C-alpha atoms as a PDB file:
ATOM      1  CA  MET A   1     -96.068  26.742 -39.404  1.00  0.00           C
ATOM      2  CA  ARG A   2     -93.792  29.666 -40.371  1.00  0.00           C
ATOM      3  CA  ARG A   3     -95.916  31.942 -38.187  1.00  0.00           C
ATOM      4  CA  TYR A   4     -94.995  29.903 -35.088  1.00  0.00           C
ATOM      5  CA  LEU A   5     -91.337  29.231 -35.993  1.00  0.00           C
ATOM      6  CA  PRO A   6     -89.900  32.309 -34.170  1.00  0.00           C
ATOM      7  CA  PHE A   7     -91.771  31.312 -30.996  1.00  0.00           C
ATOM      8  CA  LEU A   8     -90.496  27.737 -31.226  1.00  0.00           C
ATOM      9  CA  ILE A   9     -86.912  29.002 -31.600  1.00  0.00           C
ATOM     10  CA  ILE A  10     -87.303  31.231 -28.535  1.00  0.00           C
ATOM     11  CA  ILE A  11     -88.646  28.329 -26.467  1.00  0.00           C
ATOM     12  CA  ALA A  12     -85.812  26.040 -27.615  1.00  0.00           C
ATOM     13  CA  VAL A  13     -83.152  28.631 -26.721  1.00  0.00           C
ATOM     14  CA  ALA A  14     -84.745  29.165 -23.306  1.00  0.00           C
ATOM     15  CA  LEU A  15     -84.695  25.427 -22.592  1.00  0.00           C
ATOM     16  CA  VAL A  16     -81.046  25.085 -23.629  1.00  0.00           C
ATOM     17  CA  THR A  17     -80.071  28.131 -21.553  1.00  0.00           C
ATOM     18  CA  GLY A  18     -81.876  26.764 -18.503  1.00  0.00           C
ATOM     19  CA  ILE A  19     -80.220  23.369 -18.768  1.00  0.00           C
ATOM     20  CA  ALA A  20     -76.778  24.941 -19.266  1.00  0.00           C
ATOM     21  CA  GLY A  21     -77.299  27.241 -16.300  1.00  0.00           C
ATOM     22  CA  ALA A  22     -78.251  24.341 -14.038  1.00  0.00           C
ATOM     23  CA  TRP A  23     -75.224  22.340 -15.193  1.00  0.00           C
ATOM     24  CA  LEU A  24     -72.862  25.263 -14.521  1.00  0.00           C
ATOM     25  CA  TYR A  25     -74.318  25.747 -11.041  1.00  0.00           C
ATOM     26  CA  ARG A  26     -73.761  22.080 -10.171  1.00  0.00           C
ATOM     27  CA  ALA A  27     -70.233  22.272 -11.603  1.00  0.00           C
ATOM     28  CA  LYS A  28     -69.410  25.223  -9.336  1.00  0.00           C
ATOM     29  CA  MET A  29     -70.596  23.321  -6.290  1.00  0.00           C
ATOM     30  CA  ARG A  30     -68.321  20.370  -7.051  1.00  0.00           C
ATOM     31  CA  PRO A  31     -64.694  20.194  -5.933  1.00  0.00           C
ATOM     32  CA  LEU A  32     -62.099  21.086  -8.525  1.00  0.00           C
ATOM     33  CA  SER A  33     -61.367  17.580  -9.791  1.00  0.00           C
ATOM     34  CA  THR A  34     -63.116  14.257 -10.095  1.00  0.00           C
ATOM     35  CA  THR A  35     -60.794  11.623 -11.504  1.00  0.00           C
ATOM     36  CA  PRO A  36     -62.502   8.175 -11.408  1.00  0.00           C
ATOM     37  CA  ALA A  37     -59.289   6.209 -10.821  1.00  0.00           C
ATOM     38  CA  THR A  38     -58.235   8.535  -8.051  1.00  0.00           C
ATOM     39  CA  VAL A  39     -61.664   8.366  -6.441  1.00  0.00           C
ATOM     40  CA  ALA A  40     -61.432   4.603  -6.054  1.00  0.00           C
ATOM     41  CA  ALA A  41     -57.938   4.712  -4.581  1.00  0.00           C
ATOM     42  CA  ALA A  42     -58.660   7.646  -2.297  1.00  0.00           C
ATOM     43  CA  ALA A  43     -61.910   6.144  -1.047  1.00  0.00           C
ATOM     44  CA  THR A  44     -60.013   3.048   0.045  1.00  0.00           C
ATOM     45  CA  ALA A  45     -57.420   5.233   1.777  1.00  0.00           C
ATOM     46  CA  SER A  46     -60.205   6.884   3.788  1.00  0.00           C
ATOM     47  CA  SER A  47     -61.016   3.714   5.720  1.00  0.00           C
ATOM     48  CA  PRO A  48     -59.998   3.761   9.429  1.00  0.00           C
ATOM     49  CA  ALA A  49     -57.294   1.146   8.880  1.00  0.00           C
ATOM     50  CA  GLU A  50     -55.732   3.094   6.030  1.00  0.00           C
ATOM     51  CA  GLN A  51     -55.970   6.362   7.951  1.00  0.00           C
ATOM     52  CA  LYS A  52     -53.899   4.808  10.714  1.00  0.00           C
ATOM     53  CA  ALA A  53     -51.385   3.429   8.237  1.00  0.00           C
ATOM     54  CA  ASP A  54     -50.833   6.757   6.464  1.00  0.00           C
ATOM     55  CA  SER A  55     -51.090   8.943   9.569  1.00  0.00           C
ATOM     56  CA  ASP A  56     -47.678  10.441   8.868  1.00  0.00           C
ATOM     57  CA  SER A  57     -49.016  12.022   5.661  1.00  0.00           C
ATOM     58  CA  LEU A  58     -52.227  13.393   7.181  1.00  0.00           C
ATOM     59  CA  HIS A  59     -52.655  16.946   8.400  1.00  0.00           C
ATOM     60  CA  VAL A  60     -53.281  16.073  12.043  1.00  0.00           C
ATOM     61  CA  ARG A  61     -53.326  17.916  15.344  1.00  0.00           C
ATOM     62  CA  GLY A  62     -53.652  15.819  18.474  1.00  0.00           C
ATOM     63  CA  SER A  63     -52.918  12.331  19.698  1.00  0.00           C
ATOM     64  CA  ALA A  64     -53.855   9.179  17.768  1.00  0.00           C
ATOM     65  CA  SER A  65     -55.186   7.842  21.098  1.00  0.00           C
ATOM     66  CA  ALA A  66     -57.673  10.724  21.485  1.00  0.00           C
ATOM     67  CA  ALA A  67     -61.222   9.625  22.323  1.00  0.00           C
ATOM     68  CA  ALA A  68     -62.697  11.965  19.700  1.00  0.00           C
ATOM     69  CA  THR A  69     -61.402  12.561  16.168  1.00  0.00           C
ATOM     70  CA  LEU A  70     -62.806  15.387  14.047  1.00  0.00           C
ATOM     71  CA  GLU A  71     -62.196  15.207  10.291  1.00  0.00           C
ATOM     72  CA  ILE A  72     -62.846  18.467   8.469  1.00  0.00           C
ATOM     73  CA  TYR A  73     -63.209  18.779   4.719  1.00  0.00           C
ATOM     74  CA  GLY A  74     -62.497  22.450   4.200  1.00  0.00           C
ATOM     75  CA  ASP A  75     -62.076  25.209   1.628  1.00  0.00           C
ATOM     76  CA  PHE A  76     -59.828  28.099   2.685  1.00  0.00           C
ATOM     77  CA  GLN A  77     -61.985  30.667   0.870  1.00  0.00           C
ATOM     78  CA  CYS A  78     -65.211  29.409   2.462  1.00  0.00           C
ATOM     79  CA  PRO A  79     -66.441  31.896   5.134  1.00  0.00           C
ATOM     80  CA  SER A  80     -68.293  29.172   7.051  1.00  0.00           C
ATOM     81  CA  CYS A  81     -65.086  27.145   7.153  1.00  0.00           C
ATOM     82  CA  ALA A  82     -63.237  30.074   8.704  1.00  0.00           C
ATOM     83  CA  MET A  83     -65.870  30.454  11.421  1.00  0.00           C
ATOM     84  CA  THR A  84     -65.978  26.715  12.083  1.00  0.00           C
ATOM     85  CA  SER A  85     -62.175  26.574  12.246  1.00  0.00           C
ATOM     86  CA  ALA A  86     -62.193  29.214  14.999  1.00  0.00           C
ATOM     87  CA  VAL A  87     -64.762  27.196  16.975  1.00  0.00           C
ATOM     88  CA  ILE A  88     -62.749  24.003  16.594  1.00  0.00           C
ATOM     89  CA  GLY A  89     -59.572  25.818  17.641  1.00  0.00           C
ATOM     90  CA  ASP A  90     -61.239  26.778  20.925  1.00  0.00           C
ATOM     91  CA  LEU A  91     -62.479  23.214  21.439  1.00  0.00           C
ATOM     92  CA  GLU A  92     -58.954  21.882  20.889  1.00  0.00           C
ATOM     93  CA  LYS A  93     -57.772  24.049  23.759  1.00  0.00           C
ATOM     94  CA  ASP A  94     -60.608  22.841  25.986  1.00  0.00           C
ATOM     95  CA  TYR A  95     -60.261  19.128  25.274  1.00  0.00           C
ATOM     96  CA  GLY A  96     -56.489  18.880  24.954  1.00  0.00           C
ATOM     97  CA  PRO A  97     -55.325  15.282  24.381  1.00  0.00           C
ATOM     98  CA  ARG A  98     -58.911  13.997  24.232  1.00  0.00           C
ATOM     99  CA  LEU A  99     -59.510  15.637  20.832  1.00  0.00           C
ATOM    100  CA  ARG A 100     -57.733  14.948  17.546  1.00  0.00           C
ATOM    101  CA  VAL A 101     -58.329  17.053  14.422  1.00  0.00           C
ATOM    102  CA  ILE A 102     -57.655  16.060  10.807  1.00  0.00           C
ATOM    103  CA  PHE A 103     -57.933  18.572   7.967  1.00  0.00           C
ATOM    104  CA  ARG A 104     -58.658  17.414   4.420  1.00  0.00           C
ATOM    105  CA  GLU A 105     -58.526  19.642   1.356  1.00  0.00           C
ATOM    106  CA  PHE A 106     -61.806  20.227  -0.474  1.00  0.00           C
ATOM    107  CA  PRO A 107     -61.496  23.457  -2.523  1.00  0.00           C
ATOM    108  CA  LEU A 108     -64.673  24.303  -4.410  1.00  0.00           C
ATOM    109  CA  ALA A 109     -64.659  25.557  -7.995  1.00  0.00           C
ATOM    110  CA  MET A 110     -67.090  28.341  -7.013  1.00  0.00           C
ATOM    111  CA  HIS A 111     -64.299  30.026  -5.005  1.00  0.00           C
ATOM    112  CA  GLN A 112     -61.822  31.782  -7.283  1.00  0.00           C
ATOM    113  CA  HIS A 113     -58.736  31.443  -5.069  1.00  0.00           C
ATOM    114  CA  ALA A 114     -59.588  28.246  -3.176  1.00  0.00           C
ATOM    115  CA  LEU A 115     -57.168  26.019  -5.063  1.00  0.00           C
ATOM    116  CA  GLU A 116     -54.345  28.559  -4.866  1.00  0.00           C
ATOM    117  CA  ALA A 117     -54.851  28.860  -1.107  1.00  0.00           C
ATOM    118  CA  ALA A 118     -54.887  25.079  -0.709  1.00  0.00           C
ATOM    119  CA  MET A 119     -51.643  24.905  -2.701  1.00  0.00           C
ATOM    120  CA  ALA A 120     -50.111  27.480  -0.345  1.00  0.00           C
ATOM    121  CA  ALA A 121     -51.110  25.409   2.680  1.00  0.00           C
ATOM    122  CA  GLU A 122     -49.644  22.269   1.121  1.00  0.00           C
ATOM    123  CA  ALA A 123     -46.439  24.114   0.235  1.00  0.00           C
ATOM    124  CA  ALA A 124     -46.104  25.244   3.840  1.00  0.00           C
ATOM    125  CA  GLY A 125     -46.781  21.668   4.911  1.00  0.00           C
ATOM    126  CA  LEU A 126     -43.800  20.463   2.906  1.00  0.00           C
ATOM    127  CA  GLN A 127     -41.693  22.594   5.264  1.00  0.00           C
ATOM    128  CA  GLY A 128     -43.512  21.329   8.355  1.00  0.00           C
ATOM    129  CA  HIS A 129     -45.813  24.317   8.838  1.00  0.00           C
ATOM    130  CA  PHE A 130     -49.163  23.279   7.390  1.00  0.00           C
ATOM    131  CA  TRP A 131     -51.191  24.162  10.479  1.00  0.00           C
ATOM    132  CA  GLU A 132     -49.588  27.570  10.908  1.00  0.00           C
ATOM    133  CA  MET A 133     -50.457  28.439   7.302  1.00  0.00           C
ATOM    134  CA  HIS A 134     -53.923  26.877   7.762  1.00  0.00           C
ATOM    135  CA  ASP A 135     -54.563  29.212  10.689  1.00  0.00           C
ATOM    136  CA  MET A 136     -53.241  32.291   8.872  1.00  0.00           C
ATOM    137  CA  LEU A 137     -55.308  31.614   5.750  1.00  0.00           C
ATOM    138  CA  TYR A 138     -58.483  31.486   7.794  1.00  0.00           C
ATOM    139  CA  GLN A 139     -57.492  34.383  10.052  1.00  0.00           C
ATOM    140  CA  TYR A 140     -56.796  36.697   7.096  1.00  0.00           C
ATOM    141  CA  GLN A 141     -59.378  35.265   4.707  1.00  0.00           C
ATOM    142  CA  GLU A 142     -61.102  38.629   4.356  1.00  0.00           C
ATOM    143  CA  VAL A 143     -57.858  40.141   3.052  1.00  0.00           C
ATOM    144  CA  TRP A 144     -56.393  37.683   0.541  1.00  0.00           C
ATOM    145  CA  SER A 145     -59.720  36.367  -0.774  1.00  0.00           C
ATOM    146  CA  LYS A 146     -60.520  39.825  -2.205  1.00  0.00           C
ATOM    147  CA  ALA A 147     -57.165  40.266  -3.925  1.00  0.00           C
ATOM    148  CA  SER A 148     -56.790  39.721  -7.661  1.00  0.00           C
ATOM    149  CA  LYS A 149     -53.420  38.041  -7.049  1.00  0.00           C
ATOM    150  CA  PRO A 150     -53.399  36.525  -3.541  1.00  0.00           C
ATOM    151  CA  GLY A 151     -50.053  34.815  -4.093  1.00  0.00           C
ATOM    152  CA  ARG A 152     -48.166  37.836  -2.771  1.00  0.00           C
ATOM    153  CA  PHE A 153     -50.075  37.546   0.503  1.00  0.00           C
ATOM    154  CA  PHE A 154     -49.293  33.840   0.728  1.00  0.00           C
ATOM    155  CA  SER A 155     -45.591  34.549   0.208  1.00  0.00           C
ATOM    156  CA  ALA A 156     -45.755  37.182   2.941  1.00  0.00           C
ATOM    157  CA  TYR A 157     -47.375  34.673   5.299  1.00  0.00           C
ATOM    158  CA  ALA A 158     -44.657  32.147   4.443  1.00  0.00           C
ATOM    159  CA  GLN A 159     -41.988  34.721   5.246  1.00  0.00           C
ATOM    160  CA  ALA A 160     -43.693  35.567   8.547  1.00  0.00           C
ATOM    161  CA  LEU A 161     -43.611  31.861   9.428  1.00  0.00           C
ATOM    162  CA  GLY A 162     -39.897  31.718   8.740  1.00  0.00           C
ATOM    163  CA  LEU A 163     -40.199  29.460   5.696  1.00  0.00           C
ATOM    164  CA  ASN A 164     -37.805  29.305   2.770  1.00  0.00           C
ATOM    165  CA  VAL A 165     -39.909  31.578   0.549  1.00  0.00           C
ATOM    166  CA  GLU A 166     -38.237  30.580  -2.710  1.00  0.00           C
ATOM    167  CA  ARG A 167     -38.936  26.922  -2.027  1.00  0.00           C
ATOM    168  CA  PHE A 168     -42.450  27.744  -0.806  1.00  0.00           C
ATOM    169  CA  GLU A 169     -43.303  29.570  -4.031  1.00  0.00           C
ATOM    170  CA  ALA A 170     -42.004  26.674  -6.130  1.00  0.00           C
ATOM    171  CA  ASP A 171     -43.929  24.095  -4.079  1.00  0.00           C
ATOM    172  CA  ALA A 172     -47.101  26.222  -4.254  1.00  0.00           C
ATOM    173  CA  ILE A 173     -47.325  25.587  -8.002  1.00  0.00           C
ATOM    174  CA  SER A 174     -46.019  22.026  -7.948  1.00  0.00           C
ATOM    175  CA  ASP A 175     -47.733  18.939  -9.304  1.00  0.00           C
ATOM    176  CA  GLN A 176     -47.059  17.220  -5.958  1.00  0.00           C
ATOM    177  CA  ALA A 177     -49.162  19.705  -4.004  1.00  0.00           C
ATOM    178  CA  LYS A 178     -51.943  19.742  -6.581  1.00  0.00           C
ATOM    179  CA  ALA A 179     -52.086  15.938  -6.739  1.00  0.00           C
ATOM    180  CA  ARG A 180     -52.555  15.685  -2.989  1.00  0.00           C
ATOM    181  CA  ILE A 181     -55.339  18.277  -3.018  1.00  0.00           C
ATOM    182  CA  MET A 182     -57.174  16.563  -5.854  1.00  0.00           C
ATOM    183  CA  ALA A 183     -56.810  13.149  -4.225  1.00  0.00           C
ATOM    184  CA  GLU A 184     -58.325  14.435  -0.977  1.00  0.00           C
ATOM    185  CA  GLY A 185     -61.159  16.105  -2.880  1.00  0.00           C
ATOM    186  CA  ASP A 186     -61.877  12.897  -4.758  1.00  0.00           C
ATOM    187  CA  ALA A 187     -61.778  10.887  -1.522  1.00  0.00           C
ATOM    188  CA  GLY A 188     -64.231  13.334   0.022  1.00  0.00           C
ATOM    189  CA  GLN A 189     -66.638  12.934  -2.864  1.00  0.00           C
ATOM    190  CA  ALA A 190     -66.420   9.162  -2.491  1.00  0.00           C
ATOM    191  CA  ARG A 191     -67.502   9.614   1.145  1.00  0.00           C
ATOM    192  CA  GLY A 192     -70.447  11.784   0.142  1.00  0.00           C
ATOM    193  CA  VAL A 193     -68.904  15.209   0.760  1.00  0.00           C
ATOM    194  CA  ARG A 194     -70.489  17.860  -1.456  1.00  0.00           C
ATOM    195  CA  ASN A 195     -69.853  21.180   0.267  1.00  0.00           C
ATOM    196  CA  THR A 196     -67.747  22.791   2.982  1.00  0.00           C
ATOM    197  CA  PRO A 197     -67.289  22.542   5.807  1.00  0.00           C
ATOM    198  CA  THR A 198     -68.190  18.876   6.123  1.00  0.00           C
ATOM    199  CA  ILE A 199     -67.240  17.252   9.423  1.00  0.00           C
ATOM    200  CA  PHE A 200     -66.949  13.646  10.519  1.00  0.00           C
ATOM    201  CA  LEU A 201     -66.651  12.749  14.199  1.00  0.00           C
ATOM    202  CA  ASN A 202     -65.200   9.306  14.842  1.00  0.00           C
ATOM    203  CA  GLY A 203     -66.172   8.390  11.283  1.00  0.00           C
ATOM    204  CA  ASN A 204     -69.787   9.617  11.489  1.00  0.00           C
ATOM    205  CA  GLU A 205     -70.896  12.761   9.690  1.00  0.00           C
ATOM    206  CA  VAL A 206     -72.016  15.645  11.895  1.00  0.00           C
ATOM    207  CA  ARG A 207     -74.965  17.455  10.335  1.00  0.00           C
ATOM    208  CA  GLY A 208     -76.454  20.890  10.851  1.00  0.00           C
ATOM    209  CA  ALA A 209     -74.909  24.180  11.966  1.00  0.00           C
ATOM    210  CA  PHE A 210     -71.455  23.818  13.511  1.00  0.00           C
ATOM    211  CA  THR A 211     -71.961  25.966  16.574  1.00  0.00           C
ATOM    212  CA  ARG A 212     -69.726  25.576  19.594  1.00  0.00           C
ATOM    213  CA  ASP A 213     -72.560  24.079  21.654  1.00  0.00           C
ATOM    214  CA  LYS A 214     -73.483  21.531  18.984  1.00  0.00           C
ATOM    215  CA  LEU A 215     -69.914  20.396  18.350  1.00  0.00           C
ATOM    216  CA  GLN A 216     -69.180  20.239  22.069  1.00  0.00           C
ATOM    217  CA  ALA A 217     -72.254  18.082  22.656  1.00  0.00           C
ATOM    218  CA  ALA A 218     -71.242  15.771  19.805  1.00  0.00           C
ATOM    219  CA  ILE A 219     -67.692  15.467  21.189  1.00  0.00           C
ATOM    220  CA  GLU A 220     -68.991  14.700  24.689  1.00  0.00           C
ATOM    221  CA  THR A 221     -71.214  11.981  23.258  1.00  0.00           C
ATOM    222  CA  ALA A 222     -68.283  10.512  21.297  1.00  0.00           C
ATOM    223  CA  ILE A 223     -66.026  10.513  24.371  1.00  0.00           C
ATOM    224  CA  ALA A 224     -68.742   8.902  26.485  1.00  0.00           C
ATOM    225  CA  GLY A 225     -69.222   6.232  23.829  1.00  0.00           C
ATOM    226  CA  LYS A 226     -65.501   5.488  23.823  1.00  0.00           C
ATOM    227  CA  LYS A 227     -65.515   5.012  27.593  1.00  0.00           C
ATOM    228  CA  LYS A 228     -68.348   2.482  27.355  1.00  0.00           C
ATOM    229  CA  SER A 229     -66.715   0.457  24.561  1.00  0.00           C
END
């Protein structure tokens, strides 16, 4: 038995290492917080009726009467999110009042600065400039995402937008901003969101690659369906 003991120890260590590695990988792919109580409350708030009721607190571009509503669960450090955001920006110009866009925070733990960037966007939102910061974070993602301390870039963006930088910097580390981000992440998980970008169109998840042609076809179908109903 002693002869085989070293081999048994090696096998046991390998099994433990494999299980731990798999657990860490899954943890990185999850959003940054999963609070059971918050999940239940946020999931309820994601129903169409509740979305209408709390529309003032949503990050929305476009009319509530638009025939097509895109909901994006995004991570500001996610390269695919940046590309998809550019596509959606072009579609907003094309469809005008027929298209409404809602952004929901879903920073992933695998991205080092995702939460900090989301906090910056929320801080800008508290001064009425969420979408301007949203656009800048995606536009300059290649710059700030590689910095060891991206906060100085976020402050520079806030200054460029004409924000009160002192207030912005305080809000960007506030419990209020973090609570909102975590609540939206929890609500996303309750709806089945696991990665970014995840998009819902009129409440139905859009699957596959988010190319301009695919999203345009989905929007046209949604608009046509609205006309028939």
